[in-house]
Protein backbone atom coordinates (compact mmCIF):
# COMPACT_ATOMS: atom_id res chain seq x y z
CA MET A 1 0.00 0.00 0.00
CA ALA A 2 1.47 3.32 -1.05
CA LEU A 3 1.83 6.14 1.43
CA ARG A 4 -0.51 9.07 0.84
CA ASN A 5 0.77 11.40 3.56
CA LEU A 6 3.88 11.57 5.69
CA TRP A 7 3.44 11.60 9.46
CA THR A 8 5.83 12.51 12.25
CA GLU A 9 7.16 8.94 12.32
CA HIS A 10 8.10 9.16 8.65
CA TYR A 11 10.01 12.40 9.16
CA ILE A 12 11.89 10.89 12.10
CA ALA A 13 12.89 7.96 9.88
CA ILE A 14 13.94 10.28 7.04
CA GLU A 15 16.05 12.34 9.43
CA TYR A 16 18.11 9.30 10.42
CA LEU A 17 18.17 7.61 7.01
CA VAL A 18 19.75 10.62 5.29
CA MET A 19 22.54 10.95 7.88
CA PRO A 20 25.92 9.47 7.03
CA ASP A 21 25.99 5.97 8.49
CA ARG A 22 22.34 6.48 9.50
CA GLY A 23 23.53 8.49 12.48
CA GLY A 24 25.30 5.44 13.84
CA LEU A 25 22.00 3.59 14.30
CA THR A 26 20.88 0.26 12.94
CA LEU A 27 17.62 0.00 11.01
CA GLU A 28 16.12 -1.74 14.03
CA GLU A 29 17.07 1.21 16.27
CA ILE A 30 15.61 3.69 13.79
CA ALA A 31 12.39 1.67 13.64
CA GLU A 32 12.25 1.68 17.43
CA LYS A 33 12.62 5.48 17.51
CA CYS A 34 9.70 5.67 15.06
CA SER A 35 7.65 3.21 17.15
CA VAL A 36 7.31 0.79 14.23
CA THR A 37 8.73 -2.62 13.35
CA ARG A 38 11.76 -3.14 11.17
CA LYS A 39 9.45 -4.58 8.49
CA VAL A 40 7.34 -1.40 8.45
CA LEU A 41 10.49 0.71 8.12
CA TYR A 42 11.63 -1.51 5.24
CA ASN A 43 8.28 -1.01 3.49
CA TRP A 44 8.51 2.75 3.96
CA ARG A 45 11.99 2.76 2.41
CA GLN A 46 10.52 1.18 -0.74
CA ASP A 47 7.72 3.77 -1.05
CA ASP A 48 8.04 6.53 -3.65
CA LEU A 49 6.57 9.20 -1.34
CA LEU A 50 9.22 8.62 1.32
CA ILE A 51 12.01 8.47 -1.26
CA ARG A 52 11.03 11.84 -2.76
CA ASN A 53 11.27 13.55 0.62
């Protein structure tokens, strides 16, 4: 399912994902900071809306 809007959790993920070395965090740690599972974070990373931002 494609994202229609970005929420606070998405922007938190984007903030870490664009940092060099993901800010020193693993994908699991980033997912935890966003209060989602690693699988959800993976799905977001594949979505065009998240990629464009």
